[in-house]
């Protein structure tokens, strides 16, 4: 008989975060049902009940713990199952050729720009390096940058 490890005791903070995360996910699911009438993947709108799905963080909770329960950082996404390649895994793998096709791509970019500019810049760099034509692969100078450049001449 294999000896089992004792269950790790959760701190009060961990219990509180899990409860908040469950509450947020429930609200997201209710909003999706109200909007689509079915449990739609935020990135491709497939019915996740027909494939497989789960809640996905736009910015990984491992590196962005403080955003773990932010409703704007959580979306319902389809997952890999059989021949179906899920949007959740495409985002996790940073499959830029697929991510730019996501229906919520602009929302993902806006959220990253506001909350983690370094992650936004990683996506922009990946887009440029892949030669993908989107509105994110160019840079318009701000008025400040224009002023700074004029001062150089």
C-alpha atoms as a PDB file:
ATOM      1  CA  UNK A   1       0.000   0.000   0.000  1.00  0.00           C
ATOM      2  CA  UNK A   2       1.373   3.375  -1.054  1.00  0.00           C
ATOM      3  CA  UNK A   3       1.741   5.900   1.739  1.00  0.00           C
ATOM      4  CA  UNK A   4      -0.093   9.167   1.057  1.00  0.00           C
ATOM      5  CA  UNK A   5       1.277  12.565   1.881  1.00  0.00           C
ATOM      6  CA  UNK A   6      -0.801  14.512   4.381  1.00  0.00           C
ATOM      7  CA  UNK A   7      -2.925  17.262   2.885  1.00  0.00           C
ATOM      8  CA  UNK A   8      -1.301  20.657   3.050  1.00  0.00           C
ATOM      9  CA  UNK A   9      -3.127  22.907   5.459  1.00  0.00           C
ATOM     10  CA  UNK A  10      -4.327  26.080   3.767  1.00  0.00           C
ATOM     11  CA  UNK A  11      -3.793  29.417   5.403  1.00  0.00           C
ATOM     12  CA  UNK A  12      -6.743  31.699   6.064  1.00  0.00           C
ATOM     13  CA  UNK A  13      -5.415  33.964   3.287  1.00  0.00           C
ATOM     14  CA  UNK A  14      -5.354  31.076   0.776  1.00  0.00           C
ATOM     15  CA  UNK A  15      -8.896  30.070   1.716  1.00  0.00           C
ATOM     16  CA  UNK A  16     -10.065  33.672   1.267  1.00  0.00           C
ATOM     17  CA  UNK A  17      -8.385  33.969  -2.156  1.00  0.00           C
ATOM     18  CA  UNK A  18      -9.894  30.669  -3.349  1.00  0.00           C
ATOM     19  CA  UNK A  19     -13.357  31.780  -2.216  1.00  0.00           C
ATOM     20  CA  UNK A  20     -12.959  35.126  -4.000  1.00  0.00           C
ATOM     21  CA  UNK A  21     -11.712  33.377  -7.152  1.00  0.00           C
ATOM     22  CA  UNK A  22     -14.734  31.018  -7.105  1.00  0.00           C
ATOM     23  CA  UNK A  23     -17.092  34.003  -6.667  1.00  0.00           C
ATOM     24  CA  UNK A  24     -15.467  35.881  -9.570  1.00  0.00           C
ATOM     25  CA  UNK A  25     -15.590  32.809 -11.844  1.00  0.00           C
ATOM     26  CA  UNK A  26     -19.282  32.329 -11.064  1.00  0.00           C
ATOM     27  CA  UNK A  27     -19.992  35.971 -11.978  1.00  0.00           C
ATOM     28  CA  UNK A  28     -18.027  35.573 -15.223  1.00  0.00           C
ATOM     29  CA  UNK A  29     -20.005  32.437 -16.112  1.00  0.00           C
ATOM     30  CA  UNK A  30     -23.323  34.190 -15.426  1.00  0.00           C
ATOM     31  CA  UNK A  31     -22.282  37.138 -17.605  1.00  0.00           C
ATOM     32  CA  UNK A  32     -21.270  34.791 -20.440  1.00  0.00           C
ATOM     33  CA  UNK A  33     -24.621  32.970 -20.250  1.00  0.00           C
ATOM     34  CA  UNK A  34     -26.475  36.293 -20.287  1.00  0.00           C
ATOM     35  CA  UNK A  35     -24.479  37.486 -23.308  1.00  0.00           C
ATOM     36  CA  UNK A  36     -24.283  34.331 -25.448  1.00  0.00           C
ATOM     37  CA  UNK A  37     -26.907  31.956 -24.065  1.00  0.00           C
ATOM     38  CA  UNK A  38     -24.211  29.286 -23.776  1.00  0.00           C
ATOM     39  CA  UNK A  39     -20.781  28.899 -22.160  1.00  0.00           C
ATOM     40  CA  UNK A  40     -18.694  30.596 -24.857  1.00  0.00           C
ATOM     41  CA  UNK A  41     -14.909  30.644 -25.011  1.00  0.00           C
ATOM     42  CA  UNK A  42     -13.908  34.301 -24.779  1.00  0.00           C
ATOM     43  CA  UNK A  43     -11.316  33.869 -27.528  1.00  0.00           C
ATOM     44  CA  UNK A  44     -13.149  31.830 -30.217  1.00  0.00           C
ATOM     45  CA  UNK A  45     -16.767  31.718 -28.953  1.00  0.00           C
ATOM     46  CA  UNK A  46     -16.979  27.909 -29.223  1.00  0.00           C
ATOM     47  CA  UNK A  47     -19.320  26.307 -26.679  1.00  0.00           C
ATOM     48  CA  UNK A  48     -16.896  24.995 -24.051  1.00  0.00           C
ATOM     49  CA  UNK A  49     -19.509  22.467 -22.935  1.00  0.00           C
ATOM     50  CA  UNK A  50     -19.111  20.813 -26.364  1.00  0.00           C
ATOM     51  CA  UNK A  51     -15.331  20.537 -25.994  1.00  0.00           C
ATOM     52  CA  UNK A  52     -13.569  21.343 -22.735  1.00  0.00           C
ATOM     53  CA  UNK A  53     -13.056  24.620 -20.956  1.00  0.00           C
ATOM     54  CA  UNK A  54     -11.890  26.387 -17.874  1.00  0.00           C
ATOM     55  CA  UNK A  55     -11.087  29.764 -16.447  1.00  0.00           C
ATOM     56  CA  UNK A  56      -7.860  31.223 -17.766  1.00  0.00           C
ATOM     57  CA  UNK A  57      -5.753  34.139 -16.560  1.00  0.00           C
ATOM     58  CA  UNK A  58      -4.700  36.701 -19.152  1.00  0.00           C
ATOM     59  CA  UNK A  59      -1.635  37.390 -17.019  1.00  0.00           C
ATOM     60  CA  UNK A  60      -0.386  34.234 -15.277  1.00  0.00           C
ATOM     61  CA  UNK A  61      -1.354  34.011 -11.616  1.00  0.00           C
ATOM     62  CA  UNK A  62       2.030  32.524 -10.772  1.00  0.00           C
ATOM     63  CA  UNK A  63       3.864  35.723 -11.711  1.00  0.00           C
ATOM     64  CA  UNK A  64       1.001  38.154 -11.090  1.00  0.00           C
ATOM     65  CA  UNK A  65      -0.420  36.868  -7.808  1.00  0.00           C
ATOM     66  CA  UNK A  66      -1.931  40.264  -7.009  1.00  0.00           C
ATOM     67  CA  UNK A  67      -4.145  39.962 -10.144  1.00  0.00           C
ATOM     68  CA  UNK A  68      -5.309  36.405  -9.409  1.00  0.00           C
ATOM     69  CA  UNK A  69      -8.879  37.425  -8.555  1.00  0.00           C
ATOM     70  CA  UNK A  70      -9.192  40.469 -10.825  1.00  0.00           C
ATOM     71  CA  UNK A  71     -12.266  39.745 -12.991  1.00  0.00           C
ATOM     72  CA  UNK A  72     -10.639  41.527 -15.945  1.00  0.00           C
ATOM     73  CA  UNK A  73      -7.720  39.074 -15.745  1.00  0.00           C
ATOM     74  CA  UNK A  74      -9.941  35.973 -15.934  1.00  0.00           C
ATOM     75  CA  UNK A  75     -11.785  34.610 -18.948  1.00  0.00           C
ATOM     76  CA  UNK A  76     -13.470  31.353 -19.854  1.00  0.00           C
ATOM     77  CA  UNK A  77     -11.445  29.609 -22.565  1.00  0.00           C
ATOM     78  CA  UNK A  78     -11.669  26.301 -24.372  1.00  0.00           C
ATOM     79  CA  UNK A  79      -8.945  23.756 -23.649  1.00  0.00           C
ATOM     80  CA  UNK A  80      -7.111  21.056 -25.591  1.00  0.00           C
ATOM     81  CA  UNK A  81      -9.155  17.885 -25.967  1.00  0.00           C
ATOM     82  CA  UNK A  82      -8.677  15.311 -28.703  1.00  0.00           C
ATOM     83  CA  UNK A  83      -8.122  17.090 -32.003  1.00  0.00           C
ATOM     84  CA  UNK A  84      -9.364  20.419 -30.624  1.00  0.00           C
ATOM     85  CA  UNK A  85      -6.537  22.828 -29.806  1.00  0.00           C
ATOM     86  CA  UNK A  86      -7.726  25.074 -27.002  1.00  0.00           C
ATOM     87  CA  UNK A  87      -7.359  28.827 -26.700  1.00  0.00           C
ATOM     88  CA  UNK A  88      -6.237  28.405 -23.076  1.00  0.00           C
ATOM     89  CA  UNK A  89      -3.163  26.461 -24.180  1.00  0.00           C
ATOM     90  CA  UNK A  90      -2.545  28.728 -27.180  1.00  0.00           C
ATOM     91  CA  UNK A  91      -2.292  31.668 -24.781  1.00  0.00           C
ATOM     92  CA  UNK A  92      -0.132  29.709 -22.317  1.00  0.00           C
ATOM     93  CA  UNK A  93       2.217  28.642 -25.137  1.00  0.00           C
ATOM     94  CA  UNK A  94       2.274  32.187 -26.547  1.00  0.00           C
ATOM     95  CA  UNK A  95       1.232  30.880 -29.972  1.00  0.00           C
ATOM     96  CA  UNK A  96       1.263  34.359 -31.457  1.00  0.00           C
ATOM     97  CA  UNK A  97      -0.083  33.277 -34.882  1.00  0.00           C
ATOM     98  CA  UNK A  98      -3.218  32.004 -33.118  1.00  0.00           C
ATOM     99  CA  UNK A  99      -3.473  34.638 -30.369  1.00  0.00           C
ATOM    100  CA  UNK A 100      -3.774  37.497 -32.882  1.00  0.00           C
ATOM    101  CA  UNK A 101      -6.912  35.760 -34.240  1.00  0.00           C
ATOM    102  CA  UNK A 102      -8.611  35.698 -30.829  1.00  0.00           C
ATOM    103  CA  UNK A 103     -11.902  37.585 -30.677  1.00  0.00           C
ATOM    104  CA  UNK A 104     -10.716  39.076 -27.360  1.00  0.00           C
ATOM    105  CA  UNK A 105      -7.191  39.889 -28.596  1.00  0.00           C
ATOM    106  CA  UNK A 106      -7.665  43.657 -28.209  1.00  0.00           C
ATOM    107  CA  UNK A 107      -8.956  43.132 -24.655  1.00  0.00           C
ATOM    108  CA  UNK A 108      -5.924  40.983 -23.807  1.00  0.00           C
ATOM    109  CA  UNK A 109      -3.578  43.632 -25.208  1.00  0.00           C
ATOM    110  CA  UNK A 110      -5.333  46.481 -23.381  1.00  0.00           C
ATOM    111  CA  UNK A 111      -5.251  44.585 -20.078  1.00  0.00           C
ATOM    112  CA  UNK A 112      -1.556  43.790 -20.459  1.00  0.00           C
ATOM    113  CA  UNK A 113      -0.768  47.382 -21.426  1.00  0.00           C
ATOM    114  CA  UNK A 114      -2.511  48.687 -18.293  1.00  0.00           C
ATOM    115  CA  UNK A 115      -1.299  46.076 -15.802  1.00  0.00           C
ATOM    116  CA  UNK A 116       1.979  44.632 -17.083  1.00  0.00           C
ATOM    117  CA  UNK A 117       3.603  46.717 -19.819  1.00  0.00           C
ATOM    118  CA  UNK A 118       6.522  44.270 -20.020  1.00  0.00           C
ATOM    119  CA  UNK A 119       4.075  41.484 -20.975  1.00  0.00           C
ATOM    120  CA  UNK A 120       2.404  43.774 -23.502  1.00  0.00           C
ATOM    121  CA  UNK A 121       5.814  44.511 -25.001  1.00  0.00           C
ATOM    122  CA  UNK A 122       6.592  40.774 -25.218  1.00  0.00           C
ATOM    123  CA  UNK A 123       3.466  40.265 -27.320  1.00  0.00           C
ATOM    124  CA  UNK A 124       4.228  43.252 -29.531  1.00  0.00           C
ATOM    125  CA  UNK A 125       7.782  41.983 -30.049  1.00  0.00           C
ATOM    126  CA  UNK A 126       6.488  38.510 -30.904  1.00  0.00           C
ATOM    127  CA  UNK A 127       4.051  40.023 -33.430  1.00  0.00           C
ATOM    128  CA  UNK A 128       6.824  42.035 -35.084  1.00  0.00           C
ATOM    129  CA  UNK A 129       9.267  39.122 -35.140  1.00  0.00           C
ATOM    130  CA  UNK A 130       6.605  36.850 -36.657  1.00  0.00           C
ATOM    131  CA  UNK A 131       5.918  39.433 -39.378  1.00  0.00           C
ATOM    132  CA  UNK A 132       2.228  39.577 -38.500  1.00  0.00           C
ATOM    133  CA  UNK A 133       0.457  42.725 -39.610  1.00  0.00           C
ATOM    134  CA  UNK A 134      -1.658  44.133 -36.773  1.00  0.00           C
ATOM    135  CA  UNK A 135      -2.231  47.563 -35.320  1.00  0.00           C
ATOM    136  CA  UNK A 136       0.270  46.609 -32.599  1.00  0.00           C
ATOM    137  CA  UNK A 137       3.357  46.277 -34.782  1.00  0.00           C
ATOM    138  CA  UNK A 138       4.068  49.963 -35.206  1.00  0.00           C
ATOM    139  CA  UNK A 139       4.727  52.823 -32.862  1.00  0.00           C
ATOM    140  CA  UNK A 140       3.273  56.294 -33.174  1.00  0.00           C
ATOM    141  CA  UNK A 141       5.204  59.018 -31.424  1.00  0.00           C
ATOM    142  CA  UNK A 142       3.471  60.745 -28.564  1.00  0.00           C
ATOM    143  CA  UNK A 143       3.516  64.540 -28.401  1.00  0.00           C
ATOM    144  CA  UNK A 144       6.223  64.272 -25.739  1.00  0.00           C
ATOM    145  CA  UNK A 145       8.415  62.121 -28.004  1.00  0.00           C
ATOM    146  CA  UNK A 146       7.857  64.504 -30.913  1.00  0.00           C
ATOM    147  CA  UNK A 147       8.946  67.436 -28.716  1.00  0.00           C
ATOM    148  CA  UNK A 148      12.008  65.522 -27.566  1.00  0.00           C
ATOM    149  CA  UNK A 149      12.978  64.673 -31.131  1.00  0.00           C
ATOM    150  CA  UNK A 150      12.537  68.287 -32.253  1.00  0.00           C
ATOM    151  CA  UNK A 151      14.880  69.400 -29.470  1.00  0.00           C
ATOM    152  CA  UNK A 152      17.579  67.161 -30.968  1.00  0.00           C
ATOM    153  CA  UNK A 153      17.651  69.151 -34.222  1.00  0.00           C
END
